[in-house]
Amino acid sequence: MSNLKAKFETAVADSKALPERPSNDVLLKLYALYKQGTEGDVSGKRPGFTDMVGRAKYDAWAAVKGLTGDDAMQQYIDLVTSQKA
């Protein structure tokens, strides 16, 4: 396992034990970076307007489309680290 992947997995665990619950914007960014880092670009249809949560998640993930997996993982690590301070 690469050093980046190990740090990413540690950050994922750390994100579940943050001292304070992050804002919804930060949570969406974490979700998007996690999905981009583990699955790549978003695919499928955008959820309808009645699924506001699904739509917000889809839009957040689509906003980081094209970001490499490694870059997404590093940004995720940096964001979790900033939330711990």
Protein backbone atom coordinates (compact mmCIF):
# COMPACT_ATOMS: atom_id res chain seq x y z
CA MET A 1 0.00 0.00 0.00
CA SER A 2 1.31 3.40 -0.90
CA ASN A 3 2.06 6.03 1.72
CA LEU A 4 -0.71 8.26 0.32
CA LYS A 5 -3.30 5.49 0.58
CA ALA A 6 -2.29 4.78 4.18
CA LYS A 7 -2.59 8.48 5.06
CA PHE A 8 -5.95 8.61 3.25
CA GLU A 9 -7.31 5.66 5.23
CA THR A 10 -6.12 7.29 8.45
CA ALA A 11 -7.85 10.54 7.44
CA VAL A 12 -11.07 8.62 6.70
CA ALA A 13 -10.97 7.15 10.21
CA ASP A 14 -10.10 10.56 11.69
CA SER A 15 -13.04 12.18 9.86
CA LYS A 16 -15.42 10.02 11.89
CA ALA A 17 -13.93 11.27 15.18
CA LEU A 18 -13.63 15.01 14.63
CA PRO A 19 -14.09 17.19 17.75
CA GLU A 20 -16.98 19.09 16.12
CA ARG A 21 -19.38 18.15 13.34
CA PRO A 22 -18.24 19.95 10.18
CA SER A 23 -20.61 22.26 8.31
CA ASN A 24 -22.72 20.77 5.53
CA ASP A 25 -20.45 22.41 2.94
CA VAL A 26 -17.40 20.71 4.43
CA LEU A 27 -19.24 17.39 4.67
CA LEU A 28 -20.20 17.61 0.99
CA LYS A 29 -16.60 18.43 0.05
CA LEU A 30 -15.35 15.45 2.08
CA TYR A 31 -17.92 13.21 0.39
CA ALA A 32 -16.96 14.44 -3.07
CA LEU A 33 -13.22 14.06 -2.50
CA TYR A 34 -13.70 10.59 -0.97
CA LYS A 35 -15.79 9.41 -3.94
CA GLN A 36 -13.39 10.97 -6.47
CA GLY A 37 -10.39 9.41 -4.72
CA THR A 38 -11.93 5.95 -4.48
CA GLU A 39 -14.17 5.69 -7.56
CA GLY A 40 -13.10 8.40 -10.02
CA ASP A 41 -15.40 10.72 -11.94
CA VAL A 42 -19.10 10.81 -11.14
CA SER A 43 -21.33 8.76 -13.44
CA GLY A 44 -25.01 8.14 -13.86
CA LYS A 45 -27.92 10.52 -13.95
CA ARG A 46 -28.27 13.49 -11.63
CA PRO A 47 -31.00 12.79 -9.03
CA GLY A 48 -34.29 14.63 -9.45
CA PHE A 49 -35.26 17.75 -7.55
CA THR A 50 -37.23 15.71 -5.00
CA ASP A 51 -34.00 14.03 -3.82
CA MET A 52 -32.26 17.11 -2.45
CA VAL A 53 -29.58 15.21 -0.51
CA GLY A 54 -28.73 12.95 -3.44
CA ARG A 55 -28.66 15.91 -5.77
CA ALA A 56 -26.33 17.89 -3.48
CA LYS A 57 -23.97 14.91 -3.21
CA TYR A 58 -24.02 14.38 -6.98
CA ASP A 59 -23.32 18.07 -7.63
CA ALA A 60 -20.46 18.15 -5.10
CA TRP A 61 -18.89 15.06 -6.68
CA ALA A 62 -19.38 16.45 -10.19
CA ALA A 63 -17.60 19.65 -9.10
CA VAL A 64 -14.33 17.71 -8.63
CA LYS A 65 -14.65 15.79 -11.90
CA GLY A 66 -11.30 15.38 -13.63
CA LEU A 67 -9.29 15.49 -10.40
CA THR A 68 -6.89 12.55 -10.19
CA GLY A 69 -7.43 9.98 -7.47
CA ASP A 70 -4.18 10.91 -5.77
CA ASP A 71 -5.00 14.63 -5.82
CA ALA A 72 -8.47 13.95 -4.42
CA MET A 73 -6.98 11.82 -1.64
CA GLN A 74 -4.44 14.51 -0.76
CA GLN A 75 -7.13 17.23 -0.67
CA TYR A 76 -9.27 14.96 1.54
CA ILE A 77 -6.34 14.46 3.93
CA ASP A 78 -5.68 18.23 4.01
CA LEU A 79 -9.36 19.02 4.67
CA VAL A 80 -9.66 16.51 7.51
CA THR A 81 -6.42 17.83 9.02
CA SER A 82 -7.75 21.40 8.88
CA GLN A 83 -10.93 20.30 10.68
CA LYS A 84 -8.98 18.71 13.53
CA ALA A 85 -7.26 21.98 14.46
